[in-house]
């Protein structure tokens, strides 16, 4: 078995969308996916994009992906790497793909001088939580994530 992590390219937009939909299905949120192949292509692969994506292949066949970007910590005075999504197809879990993606991302973070590598996980996703803990990751105690979307976002922007 041979695992390969490679940078995604514009031609992977449909593949990324497929993985996004599989991830959403796993999280019981497929109805929330409004992304299209075109929107992924233009948002991840445009010249001005700060978002990057990786594809994990096993023996030449895509089995997973990761999407990430760089954020900033004012307390550290350094950039951080934020993992937006990581997904390995259900049939390939346990094959080492998730670990390979995270190891590749950790190396990017170290090579870029990042002070942090962070991500979020749903509180009910015990398999993922246990996997992350097995790698040495720690939950962020005391923090609650917030977001503005849709009409709420528009109203705040217009106020």
N, C-alpha and C. Protein backbone atom coordinates (compact mmCIF):
# COMPACT_ATOMS: atom_id res chain seq x y z
N UNK A 1 0.85 -1.19 0.00
CA UNK A 1 0.00 0.00 0.00
C UNK A 1 0.88 1.24 0.00
N UNK A 2 0.55 2.17 -0.87
CA UNK A 2 1.31 3.40 -0.98
C UNK A 2 0.37 4.59 -0.79
N UNK A 3 0.66 5.43 0.22
CA UNK A 3 -0.10 6.66 0.44
C UNK A 3 0.69 7.84 -0.10
N UNK A 4 -0.01 8.74 -0.75
CA UNK A 4 0.59 9.95 -1.29
C UNK A 4 -0.29 11.13 -0.91
N UNK A 5 0.33 12.18 -0.38
CA UNK A 5 -0.37 13.44 -0.12
C UNK A 5 0.14 14.42 -1.16
N UNK A 6 -0.79 15.04 -1.88
CA UNK A 6 -0.40 16.01 -2.91
C UNK A 6 -1.26 17.25 -2.80
N UNK A 7 -0.71 18.35 -3.31
CA UNK A 7 -1.48 19.58 -3.40
C UNK A 7 -2.63 19.37 -4.38
N UNK A 8 -3.79 19.81 -4.00
CA UNK A 8 -4.93 19.75 -4.91
C UNK A 8 -4.76 20.81 -5.99
N UNK A 9 -5.38 20.59 -7.12
CA UNK A 9 -5.35 21.58 -8.19
C UNK A 9 -6.77 21.79 -8.72
N UNK A 10 -6.91 22.74 -9.59
CA UNK A 10 -8.20 23.14 -10.16
C UNK A 10 -9.00 21.93 -10.67
N UNK A 11 -8.32 20.95 -11.24
CA UNK A 11 -8.99 19.76 -11.76
C UNK A 11 -9.59 18.87 -10.67
N UNK A 12 -9.21 19.13 -9.42
CA UNK A 12 -9.73 18.36 -8.29
C UNK A 12 -11.01 18.96 -7.70
N UNK A 13 -11.53 20.02 -8.27
CA UNK A 13 -12.69 20.71 -7.70
C UNK A 13 -13.89 19.77 -7.53
N UNK A 14 -14.18 18.95 -8.52
CA UNK A 14 -15.29 17.99 -8.42
C UNK A 14 -15.03 16.94 -7.35
N UNK A 15 -13.80 16.48 -7.25
CA UNK A 15 -13.42 15.50 -6.24
C UNK A 15 -13.58 16.09 -4.84
N UNK A 16 -13.12 17.32 -4.67
CA UNK A 16 -13.26 17.99 -3.37
C UNK A 16 -14.74 18.12 -3.01
N UNK A 17 -15.57 18.52 -3.97
CA UNK A 17 -17.01 18.63 -3.71
C UNK A 17 -17.58 17.27 -3.29
N UNK A 18 -17.16 16.21 -3.95
CA UNK A 18 -17.64 14.87 -3.58
C UNK A 18 -17.27 14.55 -2.14
N UNK A 19 -16.02 14.84 -1.74
CA UNK A 19 -15.60 14.59 -0.37
C UNK A 19 -16.36 15.48 0.62
N UNK A 20 -16.60 16.74 0.24
CA UNK A 20 -17.37 17.65 1.10
C UNK A 20 -18.76 17.07 1.35
N UNK A 21 -19.40 16.58 0.31
CA UNK A 21 -20.74 16.01 0.46
C UNK A 21 -20.71 14.73 1.29
N UNK A 22 -19.67 13.91 1.14
CA UNK A 22 -19.54 12.71 1.98
C UNK A 22 -19.38 13.10 3.45
N UNK A 23 -18.55 14.11 3.69
CA UNK A 23 -18.35 14.59 5.05
C UNK A 23 -19.65 15.13 5.63
N UNK A 24 -20.37 15.92 4.85
CA UNK A 24 -21.64 16.48 5.31
C UNK A 24 -22.65 15.37 5.62
N UNK A 25 -22.67 14.35 4.79
CA UNK A 25 -23.56 13.20 5.02
C UNK A 25 -23.21 12.54 6.35
N UNK A 26 -21.92 12.34 6.61
CA UNK A 26 -21.45 11.74 7.86
C UNK A 26 -21.88 12.59 9.05
N UNK A 27 -21.89 13.92 8.88
CA UNK A 27 -22.25 14.83 9.96
C UNK A 27 -23.74 15.15 9.98
N UNK A 28 -24.53 14.41 9.21
CA UNK A 28 -25.98 14.63 9.13
C UNK A 28 -26.33 16.06 8.74
N UNK A 29 -25.57 16.61 7.80
CA UNK A 29 -25.78 18.00 7.40
C UNK A 29 -25.68 18.18 5.89
N UNK A 30 -25.97 17.13 5.14
CA UNK A 30 -25.83 17.22 3.69
C UNK A 30 -26.69 18.35 3.11
N UNK A 31 -27.83 18.61 3.73
CA UNK A 31 -28.74 19.68 3.28
C UNK A 31 -28.08 21.07 3.34
N UNK A 32 -27.03 21.21 4.15
CA UNK A 32 -26.39 22.51 4.33
C UNK A 32 -25.34 22.82 3.27
N UNK A 33 -24.97 21.84 2.45
CA UNK A 33 -23.94 22.06 1.44
C UNK A 33 -24.56 22.80 0.25
N UNK A 34 -24.08 24.01 0.03
CA UNK A 34 -24.53 24.79 -1.13
C UNK A 34 -23.38 25.00 -2.12
N UNK A 35 -22.19 24.55 -1.73
CA UNK A 35 -21.03 24.66 -2.62
C UNK A 35 -21.28 23.90 -3.91
N UNK A 36 -20.68 24.40 -4.97
CA UNK A 36 -20.73 23.73 -6.27
C UNK A 36 -19.29 23.51 -6.72
N UNK A 37 -19.14 22.72 -7.75
CA UNK A 37 -17.80 22.51 -8.31
C UNK A 37 -17.20 23.85 -8.74
N UNK A 38 -18.03 24.68 -9.33
CA UNK A 38 -17.59 25.99 -9.79
C UNK A 38 -17.18 26.89 -8.62
N UNK A 39 -17.97 26.90 -7.56
CA UNK A 39 -17.63 27.77 -6.42
C UNK A 39 -16.37 27.28 -5.71
N UNK A 40 -16.16 25.98 -5.66
CA UNK A 40 -14.93 25.45 -5.07
C UNK A 40 -13.74 25.85 -5.94
N UNK A 41 -13.89 25.69 -7.25
CA UNK A 41 -12.80 26.05 -8.16
C UNK A 41 -12.43 27.52 -8.01
N UNK A 42 -13.43 28.39 -7.98
CA UNK A 42 -13.12 29.82 -7.92
C UNK A 42 -12.66 30.28 -6.54
N UNK A 43 -13.10 29.62 -5.49
CA UNK A 43 -12.73 30.07 -4.14
C UNK A 43 -11.41 29.48 -3.65
N UNK A 44 -11.10 28.26 -4.03
CA UNK A 44 -9.84 27.66 -3.56
C UNK A 44 -8.70 27.91 -4.54
N UNK A 45 -9.00 27.90 -5.83
CA UNK A 45 -7.93 27.91 -6.82
C UNK A 45 -7.74 29.23 -7.56
N UNK A 46 -8.41 30.28 -7.12
CA UNK A 46 -8.17 31.58 -7.75
C UNK A 46 -6.80 32.09 -7.32
N UNK A 47 -6.26 33.03 -8.08
CA UNK A 47 -4.94 33.58 -7.76
C UNK A 47 -4.90 34.26 -6.41
N UNK A 48 -6.00 34.87 -6.00
CA UNK A 48 -6.02 35.62 -4.74
C UNK A 48 -6.41 34.76 -3.53
N UNK A 49 -6.70 33.50 -3.73
CA UNK A 49 -7.15 32.65 -2.63
C UNK A 49 -6.05 32.42 -1.60
N UNK A 50 -6.44 32.43 -0.35
CA UNK A 50 -5.52 32.09 0.74
C UNK A 50 -5.82 30.69 1.27
N UNK A 51 -6.73 30.01 0.64
CA UNK A 51 -7.12 28.66 1.02
C UNK A 51 -6.35 27.65 0.18
N UNK A 52 -5.99 26.55 0.80
CA UNK A 52 -5.26 25.49 0.12
C UNK A 52 -5.98 24.17 0.37
N UNK A 53 -5.71 23.20 -0.49
CA UNK A 53 -6.31 21.87 -0.31
C UNK A 53 -5.28 20.80 -0.64
N UNK A 54 -5.43 19.67 0.03
CA UNK A 54 -4.59 18.50 -0.18
C UNK A 54 -5.48 17.33 -0.54
N UNK A 55 -4.93 16.42 -1.32
CA UNK A 55 -5.61 15.18 -1.66
C UNK A 55 -4.74 14.03 -1.15
N UNK A 56 -5.37 13.06 -0.52
CA UNK A 56 -4.69 11.85 -0.08
C UNK A 56 -5.06 10.73 -1.06
N UNK A 57 -4.04 10.10 -1.62
CA UNK A 57 -4.26 8.98 -2.54
C UNK A 57 -3.65 7.71 -1.97
N UNK A 58 -4.35 6.63 -2.15
CA UNK A 58 -3.85 5.31 -1.78
C UNK A 58 -3.74 4.51 -3.06
N UNK A 59 -2.52 4.10 -3.37
CA UNK A 59 -2.27 3.36 -4.61
C UNK A 59 -2.86 4.07 -5.83
N UNK A 60 -2.73 5.41 -5.84
CA UNK A 60 -3.18 6.21 -6.97
C UNK A 60 -4.64 6.58 -6.97
N UNK A 61 -5.40 6.12 -5.98
CA UNK A 61 -6.85 6.39 -5.91
C UNK A 61 -7.14 7.36 -4.77
N UNK A 62 -7.85 8.48 -5.04
CA UNK A 62 -8.15 9.45 -3.99
C UNK A 62 -9.02 8.83 -2.89
N UNK A 63 -8.57 9.01 -1.64
CA UNK A 63 -9.34 8.47 -0.50
C UNK A 63 -9.71 9.54 0.52
N UNK A 64 -9.17 10.75 0.38
CA UNK A 64 -9.48 11.79 1.36
C UNK A 64 -8.93 13.13 0.94
N UNK A 65 -9.25 14.12 1.76
CA UNK A 65 -8.81 15.49 1.46
C UNK A 65 -8.69 16.30 2.73
N UNK A 66 -8.03 17.42 2.62
CA UNK A 66 -7.98 18.42 3.69
C UNK A 66 -8.01 19.80 3.04
N UNK A 67 -8.69 20.73 3.69
CA UNK A 67 -8.72 22.12 3.26
C UNK A 67 -8.23 22.95 4.45
N UNK A 68 -7.31 23.87 4.18
CA UNK A 68 -6.72 24.66 5.27
C UNK A 68 -6.39 26.07 4.81
N UNK A 69 -6.12 26.92 5.79
CA UNK A 69 -5.67 28.28 5.52
C UNK A 69 -4.84 28.75 6.70
N UNK A 70 -4.18 29.87 6.52
CA UNK A 70 -3.36 30.42 7.59
C UNK A 70 -4.13 31.52 8.30
N UNK A 71 -4.11 31.48 9.62
CA UNK A 71 -4.70 32.54 10.44
C UNK A 71 -3.57 33.23 11.20
N UNK A 72 -3.91 33.98 12.23
CA UNK A 72 -2.88 34.73 12.94
C UNK A 72 -3.19 34.77 14.43
N UNK A 73 -2.18 34.59 15.24
CA UNK A 73 -2.31 34.71 16.69
C UNK A 73 -1.60 35.98 17.15
N UNK A 74 -2.38 36.92 17.66
CA UNK A 74 -1.76 38.14 18.19
C UNK A 74 -0.96 37.83 19.45
N UNK A 75 -1.38 36.87 20.22
CA UNK A 75 -0.66 36.53 21.45
C UNK A 75 0.70 35.93 21.15
N UNK A 76 0.77 35.11 20.12
CA UNK A 76 2.06 34.51 19.75
C UNK A 76 2.86 35.41 18.81
N UNK A 77 2.14 36.30 18.11
CA UNK A 77 2.82 37.11 17.10
C UNK A 77 3.29 36.26 15.93
N UNK A 78 2.49 35.22 15.64
CA UNK A 78 2.84 34.29 14.56
C UNK A 78 1.58 33.85 13.85
N UNK A 79 1.78 33.40 12.63
CA UNK A 79 0.68 32.76 11.91
C UNK A 79 0.40 31.39 12.52
N UNK A 80 -0.79 30.91 12.23
CA UNK A 80 -1.18 29.55 12.58
C UNK A 80 -1.77 28.89 11.36
N UNK A 81 -1.87 27.59 11.41
CA UNK A 81 -2.51 26.86 10.33
C UNK A 81 -3.84 26.36 10.86
N UNK A 82 -4.93 26.71 10.17
CA UNK A 82 -6.26 26.27 10.57
C UNK A 82 -6.78 25.24 9.57
N UNK A 83 -7.11 24.08 10.07
CA UNK A 83 -7.66 23.00 9.26
C UNK A 83 -9.17 23.14 9.24
N UNK A 84 -9.70 23.49 8.09
CA UNK A 84 -11.15 23.67 7.95
C UNK A 84 -11.86 22.33 7.85
N UNK A 85 -11.36 21.45 7.01
CA UNK A 85 -11.97 20.12 6.84
C UNK A 85 -10.90 19.07 6.62
N UNK A 86 -11.13 17.93 7.21
CA UNK A 86 -10.32 16.74 6.97
C UNK A 86 -11.30 15.59 6.84
N UNK A 87 -11.15 14.80 5.79
CA UNK A 87 -12.07 13.69 5.59
C UNK A 87 -11.35 12.56 4.86
N UNK A 88 -11.58 11.36 5.34
CA UNK A 88 -11.13 10.15 4.67
C UNK A 88 -12.37 9.28 4.46
N UNK A 89 -12.54 8.78 3.25
CA UNK A 89 -13.70 7.96 2.93
C UNK A 89 -13.87 6.85 3.97
N UNK A 90 -15.11 6.58 4.30
CA UNK A 90 -15.41 5.62 5.36
C UNK A 90 -14.73 4.27 5.13
N UNK A 91 -14.71 3.81 3.90
CA UNK A 91 -14.11 2.51 3.60
C UNK A 91 -12.60 2.50 3.80
N UNK A 92 -11.98 3.68 3.88
CA UNK A 92 -10.53 3.78 4.01
C UNK A 92 -10.06 4.22 5.39
N UNK A 93 -10.99 4.41 6.31
CA UNK A 93 -10.59 4.79 7.66
C UNK A 93 -9.78 3.67 8.28
N UNK A 94 -8.72 4.05 8.94
CA UNK A 94 -7.81 3.07 9.52
C UNK A 94 -6.65 2.73 8.58
N UNK A 95 -6.67 3.27 7.37
CA UNK A 95 -5.61 2.98 6.39
C UNK A 95 -4.39 3.87 6.58
N UNK A 96 -4.48 4.86 7.45
CA UNK A 96 -3.37 5.79 7.67
C UNK A 96 -3.52 7.09 6.92
N UNK A 97 -4.59 7.24 6.14
CA UNK A 97 -4.78 8.46 5.36
C UNK A 97 -4.96 9.70 6.21
N UNK A 98 -5.75 9.62 7.26
CA UNK A 98 -5.97 10.77 8.14
C UNK A 98 -4.69 11.20 8.83
N UNK A 99 -3.96 10.22 9.34
CA UNK A 99 -2.68 10.51 10.00
C UNK A 99 -1.70 11.13 8.99
N UNK A 100 -1.66 10.60 7.78
CA UNK A 100 -0.75 11.13 6.76
C UNK A 100 -1.10 12.58 6.42
N UNK A 101 -2.39 12.88 6.30
CA UNK A 101 -2.81 14.26 6.02
C UNK A 101 -2.41 15.18 7.16
N UNK A 102 -2.67 14.77 8.41
CA UNK A 102 -2.33 15.61 9.56
C UNK A 102 -0.82 15.79 9.70
N UNK A 103 -0.06 14.74 9.45
CA UNK A 103 1.39 14.84 9.51
C UNK A 103 1.89 15.82 8.44
N UNK A 104 1.35 15.74 7.24
CA UNK A 104 1.72 16.64 6.16
C UNK A 104 1.40 18.09 6.54
N UNK A 105 0.23 18.31 7.11
CA UNK A 105 -0.17 19.65 7.53
C UNK A 105 0.72 20.16 8.67
N UNK A 106 1.06 19.29 9.61
CA UNK A 106 1.95 19.68 10.71
C UNK A 106 3.31 20.11 10.15
N UNK A 107 3.78 19.41 9.16
CA UNK A 107 5.07 19.77 8.54
C UNK A 107 4.96 21.13 7.85
N UNK A 108 3.85 21.38 7.15
CA UNK A 108 3.64 22.70 6.54
C UNK A 108 3.68 23.78 7.61
N UNK A 109 2.95 23.55 8.73
CA UNK A 109 2.90 24.53 9.81
C UNK A 109 4.30 24.80 10.37
N UNK A 110 5.07 23.76 10.60
CA UNK A 110 6.42 23.92 11.12
C UNK A 110 7.31 24.64 10.11
N UNK A 111 7.25 24.22 8.86
CA UNK A 111 8.07 24.85 7.81
C UNK A 111 7.75 26.32 7.62
N UNK A 112 6.50 26.71 7.84
CA UNK A 112 6.07 28.11 7.68
C UNK A 112 6.25 28.92 8.97
N UNK A 113 6.75 28.29 10.03
CA UNK A 113 6.97 29.00 11.29
C UNK A 113 5.70 29.28 12.07
N UNK A 114 4.67 28.49 11.86
CA UNK A 114 3.41 28.69 12.56
C UNK A 114 3.55 28.35 14.04
N UNK A 115 2.83 29.09 14.86
CA UNK A 115 2.82 28.83 16.30
C UNK A 115 1.74 27.87 16.71
N UNK A 116 0.79 27.62 15.82
CA UNK A 116 -0.35 26.75 16.14
C UNK A 116 -0.79 25.98 14.91
N UNK A 117 -1.37 24.83 15.18
CA UNK A 117 -2.09 24.05 14.17
C UNK A 117 -3.37 23.65 14.87
N UNK A 118 -4.49 24.17 14.38
CA UNK A 118 -5.74 23.94 15.10
C UNK A 118 -6.90 23.63 14.17
N UNK A 119 -7.94 23.08 14.76
CA UNK A 119 -9.15 22.70 14.03
C UNK A 119 -10.26 22.51 15.04
N UNK A 120 -11.47 22.30 14.54
CA UNK A 120 -12.64 22.03 15.38
C UNK A 120 -13.18 20.66 15.04
N UNK A 121 -13.84 20.06 16.00
CA UNK A 121 -14.47 18.76 15.79
C UNK A 121 -15.82 18.79 16.51
N UNK A 122 -16.81 18.16 15.90
CA UNK A 122 -18.13 18.08 16.54
C UNK A 122 -18.02 17.30 17.84
N UNK A 123 -18.72 17.77 18.87
CA UNK A 123 -18.58 17.16 20.20
C UNK A 123 -19.08 15.72 20.26
N UNK A 124 -19.88 15.29 19.30
CA UNK A 124 -20.37 13.91 19.30
C UNK A 124 -19.50 12.96 18.49
N UNK A 125 -18.49 13.48 17.82
CA UNK A 125 -17.67 12.65 16.92
C UNK A 125 -16.54 11.98 17.70
N UNK A 126 -16.91 11.01 18.52
CA UNK A 126 -15.95 10.30 19.38
C UNK A 126 -14.81 9.64 18.60
N UNK A 127 -15.07 8.98 17.45
CA UNK A 127 -13.94 8.39 16.73
C UNK A 127 -12.89 9.43 16.35
N UNK A 128 -13.33 10.59 15.88
CA UNK A 128 -12.37 11.65 15.50
C UNK A 128 -11.68 12.19 16.74
N UNK A 129 -12.41 12.44 17.80
CA UNK A 129 -11.82 12.96 19.03
C UNK A 129 -10.75 12.01 19.56
N UNK A 130 -11.06 10.73 19.59
CA UNK A 130 -10.08 9.75 20.07
C UNK A 130 -8.86 9.69 19.16
N UNK A 131 -9.09 9.79 17.85
CA UNK A 131 -7.99 9.80 16.90
C UNK A 131 -7.09 11.01 17.14
N UNK A 132 -7.68 12.20 17.27
CA UNK A 132 -6.89 13.41 17.49
C UNK A 132 -6.11 13.32 18.80
N UNK A 133 -6.74 12.83 19.84
CA UNK A 133 -6.05 12.68 21.13
C UNK A 133 -4.88 11.72 21.01
N UNK A 134 -5.04 10.66 20.19
CA UNK A 134 -3.95 9.68 20.03
C UNK A 134 -2.72 10.30 19.39
N UNK A 135 -2.91 11.43 18.69
CA UNK A 135 -1.80 12.13 18.06
C UNK A 135 -1.17 13.19 18.97
N UNK A 136 -1.78 13.37 20.15
CA UNK A 136 -1.28 14.38 21.09
C UNK A 136 -2.05 15.68 21.07
N UNK A 137 -3.11 15.78 20.26
CA UNK A 137 -3.90 17.01 20.20
C UNK A 137 -4.71 17.17 21.49
N UNK A 138 -4.91 18.40 21.91
CA UNK A 138 -5.66 18.70 23.13
C UNK A 138 -6.86 19.59 22.79
N UNK A 139 -7.99 19.36 23.45
CA UNK A 139 -9.14 20.24 23.22
C UNK A 139 -8.86 21.64 23.78
N UNK A 140 -9.48 22.64 23.19
CA UNK A 140 -9.34 24.01 23.65
C UNK A 140 -10.41 24.27 24.70
N UNK A 141 -10.04 24.18 25.95
CA UNK A 141 -10.99 24.43 27.03
C UNK A 141 -11.33 25.90 27.13
N UNK A 142 -12.58 26.17 27.47
CA UNK A 142 -13.01 27.54 27.74
C UNK A 142 -13.38 28.35 26.52
N UNK A 143 -13.33 27.79 25.34
CA UNK A 143 -13.65 28.52 24.12
C UNK A 143 -14.94 27.98 23.52
N UNK A 144 -15.78 28.88 23.07
CA UNK A 144 -17.01 28.51 22.37
C UNK A 144 -16.97 29.20 21.01
N UNK A 145 -17.16 28.43 19.94
CA UNK A 145 -17.15 29.01 18.61
C UNK A 145 -18.44 29.75 18.30
N UNK A 146 -18.32 30.85 17.58
CA UNK A 146 -19.47 31.62 17.13
C UNK A 146 -19.36 31.86 15.64
N UNK A 147 -20.50 32.09 15.01
CA UNK A 147 -20.49 32.45 13.60
C UNK A 147 -21.71 33.28 13.26
N UNK A 148 -21.57 34.08 12.23
CA UNK A 148 -22.69 34.81 11.63
C UNK A 148 -22.83 34.32 10.21
N UNK A 149 -24.06 33.99 9.82
CA UNK A 149 -24.31 33.56 8.44
C UNK A 149 -25.61 34.18 7.95
N UNK A 150 -25.81 34.07 6.66
CA UNK A 150 -27.09 34.45 6.06
C UNK A 150 -27.55 35.84 6.43
N UNK A 151 -28.81 35.93 6.79
CA UNK A 151 -29.45 37.21 7.08
C UNK A 151 -28.80 37.93 8.25
N UNK A 152 -28.39 37.19 9.29
CA UNK A 152 -27.73 37.82 10.43
C UNK A 152 -26.43 38.52 10.02
N UNK A 153 -25.67 37.89 9.15
CA UNK A 153 -24.44 38.49 8.65
C UNK A 153 -24.75 39.75 7.84
N UNK A 154 -25.75 39.65 6.96
CA UNK A 154 -26.13 40.82 6.15
C UNK A 154 -26.61 41.97 7.01
N UNK A 155 -27.41 41.67 8.03
CA UNK A 155 -27.94 42.73 8.89
C UNK A 155 -26.83 43.42 9.66
N UNK A 156 -25.87 42.68 10.18
CA UNK A 156 -24.77 43.31 10.89
C UNK A 156 -23.93 44.17 9.95
N UNK A 157 -23.68 43.69 8.76
CA UNK A 157 -22.90 44.45 7.79
C UNK A 157 -23.59 45.75 7.40
N UNK A 158 -24.92 45.72 7.37
CA UNK A 158 -25.68 46.91 6.98
C UNK A 158 -25.97 47.85 8.13
N UNK A 159 -25.73 47.43 9.35
CA UNK A 159 -26.11 48.28 10.50
C UNK A 159 -25.12 49.39 10.75
